[in-house]
Amino acid sequence: MGRRVDRDLFGKPIKRRRPRYEWSLGRAENSTLPVRAARIRWLATKLPRNRTYMMPQETFYVFDEAKSSFVYGCFVATTVLCAAFVEHWLAGQLVDIGFAKEAGRGLASMLDCCRKHDFLNSPVLIRIERLRTIRTPFLHLKQFDHPHTIGQRTLRDRRHPFSVMEEDAKESLITMYAVATSRFTTP
């Protein structure tokens, strides 16, 4: 059965115009399609596919939205969500083996505990520490001259903030996957 067409008093079909915001969104979607596709290709080359991860629902949504945020160019959100995933994962692992107190004190405390007891290999711990340092100024306002703020890092590296944040997001995603695939060793 065909779609019902509204008609005016003279029987002519009434043309429905898309609202301006829909037109603007469609135009933006079309103009960013190639760059979003490139980000999906990057994800496909750097991160494992067809892998099943067991995790709580909240942790899964953080994991999934970190990837989506990256594809859509929300690089601060990507970095923050990747750090949240790492915190979820580490806290779950530490609680399971009896370190609930350390798990409840934040990422720095969890990293100290993992280093002290050699729960994770050094390269993964280094990646997590780097993620923590770039994430912190977005969560906790720092003074302009703090060395880890985006302003200081862009001045120091002479790069555009967007470029720095995109690179941070890529590193954050790689760290998130490294954590998700790491073996947590216990004594």
Protein backbone atom coordinates (compact mmCIF):
# COMPACT_ATOMS: atom_id res chain seq x y z
CA MET A 1 0.00 0.00 0.00
CA GLY A 2 1.33 3.44 -0.94
CA ARG A 3 2.26 6.27 1.32
CA ARG A 4 -0.56 8.68 2.07
CA VAL A 5 0.03 12.11 0.53
CA ASP A 6 -1.48 15.18 2.16
CA ARG A 7 -3.17 17.56 -0.27
CA ASP A 8 -4.13 21.20 -0.15
CA LEU A 9 -7.64 22.58 -0.78
CA PHE A 10 -7.11 22.36 -4.54
CA GLY A 11 -5.99 18.72 -4.41
CA LYS A 12 -2.33 19.43 -5.05
CA PRO A 13 0.19 17.47 -2.97
CA ILE A 14 1.62 19.45 -0.06
CA LYS A 15 5.40 19.55 -0.18
CA ARG A 16 6.93 18.97 3.20
CA ARG A 17 10.21 20.77 3.70
CA ARG A 18 12.83 19.38 5.96
CA PRO A 19 13.45 21.62 8.93
CA ARG A 20 16.64 23.69 8.62
CA TYR A 21 18.37 21.76 11.43
CA GLU A 22 17.78 18.44 9.59
CA TRP A 23 19.21 19.92 6.41
CA SER A 24 22.26 21.22 8.34
CA LEU A 25 22.80 17.88 10.04
CA GLY A 26 22.58 16.04 6.72
CA ARG A 27 25.07 18.40 5.14
CA ALA A 28 27.49 17.98 8.06
CA GLU A 29 27.11 14.19 7.93
CA ASN A 30 27.94 14.15 4.22
CA SER A 31 30.91 16.48 4.56
CA THR A 32 32.50 14.45 7.40
CA LEU A 33 31.85 11.01 5.92
CA PRO A 34 35.35 10.55 4.43
CA VAL A 35 37.16 11.49 7.65
CA ARG A 36 34.87 9.27 9.74
CA ALA A 37 35.49 6.40 7.31
CA ALA A 38 39.23 6.96 7.66
CA ARG A 39 38.92 6.75 11.44
CA ILE A 40 36.99 3.48 11.14
CA ARG A 41 39.73 2.13 8.86
CA TRP A 42 42.33 3.18 11.44
CA LEU A 43 40.39 1.36 14.18
CA ALA A 44 40.20 -1.74 12.00
CA THR A 45 43.97 -1.77 11.43
CA LYS A 46 45.04 -1.06 15.00
CA LEU A 47 42.54 -2.85 17.17
CA PRO A 48 41.53 -6.51 17.33
CA ARG A 49 38.23 -7.46 15.72
CA ASN A 50 35.80 -10.27 16.39
CA ARG A 51 36.90 -10.62 19.97
CA THR A 52 34.50 -11.27 22.82
CA TYR A 53 35.04 -9.48 26.11
CA MET A 54 33.22 -10.30 29.33
CA MET A 55 32.46 -7.19 31.32
CA PRO A 56 29.65 -5.43 33.20
CA GLN A 57 27.17 -3.54 31.03
CA GLU A 58 28.37 -0.11 32.15
CA THR A 59 31.93 -1.05 31.28
CA PHE A 60 30.83 -2.34 27.87
CA TYR A 61 28.98 0.91 27.09
CA VAL A 62 32.04 2.95 28.07
CA PHE A 63 34.17 0.67 25.85
CA ASP A 64 31.77 0.97 22.90
CA GLU A 65 31.18 4.71 23.20
CA ALA A 66 34.91 5.40 23.32
CA LYS A 67 35.16 3.96 19.80
CA SER A 68 32.10 5.85 18.55
CA SER A 69 33.37 9.10 20.05
CA PHE A 70 36.62 8.69 18.16
CA VAL A 71 34.87 8.02 14.86
CA TYR A 72 32.82 11.21 15.26
CA GLY A 73 35.84 13.31 16.24
CA CYS A 74 35.03 13.72 19.93
CA PHE A 75 38.63 13.25 21.01
CA VAL A 76 38.38 14.52 24.59
CA ALA A 77 35.40 12.21 25.13
CA THR A 78 37.40 9.33 23.63
CA THR A 79 40.30 9.92 26.02
CA VAL A 80 38.05 10.30 29.06
CA LEU A 81 36.00 7.21 28.18
CA CYS A 82 39.12 5.11 27.58
CA ALA A 83 40.41 6.15 31.00
CA ALA A 84 37.04 5.29 32.53
CA PHE A 85 37.21 1.85 30.92
CA VAL A 86 40.71 1.30 32.32
CA GLU A 87 39.50 2.31 35.79
CA HIS A 88 36.52 -0.06 35.54
CA TRP A 89 38.71 -2.93 34.37
CA LEU A 90 41.47 -2.41 36.96
CA ALA A 91 38.98 -1.93 39.79
CA GLY A 92 37.19 -5.15 38.85
CA GLN A 93 40.43 -7.10 38.74
CA LEU A 94 41.70 -5.67 42.03
CA VAL A 95 38.41 -6.23 43.88
CA ASP A 96 38.33 -9.84 42.65
CA ILE A 97 41.69 -10.57 44.27
CA GLY A 98 41.10 -8.74 47.54
CA PHE A 99 42.36 -5.21 46.91
CA ALA A 100 39.02 -3.38 47.19
CA LYS A 101 40.49 -0.52 49.22
CA GLU A 102 43.07 0.27 46.54
CA ALA A 103 40.44 -0.13 43.81
CA GLY A 104 38.26 2.51 45.46
CA ARG A 105 40.94 5.19 45.63
CA GLY A 106 41.21 6.08 41.95
CA LEU A 107 43.43 5.30 39.03
CA ALA A 108 46.72 6.48 40.57
CA SER A 109 46.19 4.23 43.58
CA MET A 110 45.29 1.28 41.37
CA LEU A 111 48.44 1.82 39.29
CA ASP A 112 50.59 1.94 42.43
CA CYS A 113 49.05 -1.32 43.63
CA CYS A 114 49.62 -3.00 40.26
CA ARG A 115 53.25 -1.86 40.20
CA LYS A 116 53.86 -2.91 43.80
CA HIS A 117 52.46 -6.42 43.25
CA ASP A 118 53.56 -6.80 39.62
CA PHE A 119 49.99 -7.49 38.39
CA LEU A 120 50.52 -6.00 34.91
CA ASN A 121 53.51 -5.83 32.61
CA SER A 122 55.50 -2.61 32.52
CA PRO A 123 54.56 -1.45 28.98
CA VAL A 124 50.86 -1.59 29.85
CA LEU A 125 51.45 0.26 33.12
CA ILE A 126 53.39 2.97 31.26
CA ARG A 127 50.52 3.35 28.77
CA ILE A 128 47.98 3.63 31.58
CA GLU A 129 50.07 6.26 33.38
CA ARG A 130 50.31 8.28 30.16
CA LEU A 131 46.54 8.02 29.69
CA ARG A 132 46.02 9.16 33.28
CA THR A 133 48.23 12.23 32.82
CA ILE A 134 46.51 13.40 29.62
CA ARG A 135 43.04 12.69 31.00
CA THR A 136 43.45 14.48 34.32
CA PRO A 137 43.41 18.11 33.07
CA PHE A 138 40.07 17.45 31.36
CA LEU A 139 38.53 16.10 34.57
CA HIS A 140 40.22 18.36 37.11
CA LEU A 141 40.85 21.96 36.09
CA LYS A 142 44.56 22.77 36.20
CA GLN A 143 46.42 26.08 36.12
CA PHE A 144 47.44 27.32 32.67
CA ASP A 145 51.11 26.49 33.28
CA HIS A 146 50.45 22.87 34.35
CA PRO A 147 52.62 20.72 32.02
CA HIS A 148 49.86 18.27 31.04
CA THR A 149 47.16 20.73 29.95
CA ILE A 150 46.31 20.77 26.27
CA GLY A 151 47.45 24.40 26.10
CA GLN A 152 50.92 23.64 27.43
CA ARG A 153 51.34 20.53 25.32
CA THR A 154 50.33 22.33 22.11
CA LEU A 155 52.69 25.22 22.88
CA ARG A 156 55.54 22.86 23.73
CA ASP A 157 55.02 20.65 20.64
CA ARG A 158 54.04 23.53 18.31
CA ARG A 159 51.00 21.61 17.11
CA HIS A 160 47.34 22.44 16.73
CA PRO A 161 45.23 21.34 19.74
CA PHE A 162 42.93 19.26 17.53
CA SER A 163 45.92 17.33 16.18
CA VAL A 164 47.26 16.69 19.68
CA MET A 165 43.86 15.59 20.96
CA GLU A 166 43.37 13.24 17.98
CA GLU A 167 46.75 11.62 18.65
CA ASP A 168 45.85 11.35 22.35
CA ALA A 169 42.57 9.68 21.43
CA LYS A 170 44.37 7.13 19.24
CA GLU A 171 46.85 6.34 22.02
CA SER A 172 43.99 6.11 24.50
CA LEU A 173 42.15 3.58 22.34
CA ILE A 174 45.29 1.49 21.94
CA THR A 175 45.76 1.60 25.73
CA MET A 176 42.14 0.61 26.32
CA TYR A 177 42.55 -2.44 24.08
CA ALA A 178 45.92 -3.29 25.62
CA VAL A 179 44.27 -3.33 29.04
CA ALA A 180 41.27 -5.33 27.82
CA THR A 181 43.57 -7.99 26.37
CA SER A 182 46.18 -8.01 29.17
CA ARG A 183 46.72 -10.86 31.53
CA PHE A 184 46.36 -9.77 35.12
CA THR A 185 48.91 -11.89 36.98
CA THR A 186 48.47 -12.69 40.63
CA PRO A 187 50.96 -14.28 43.00
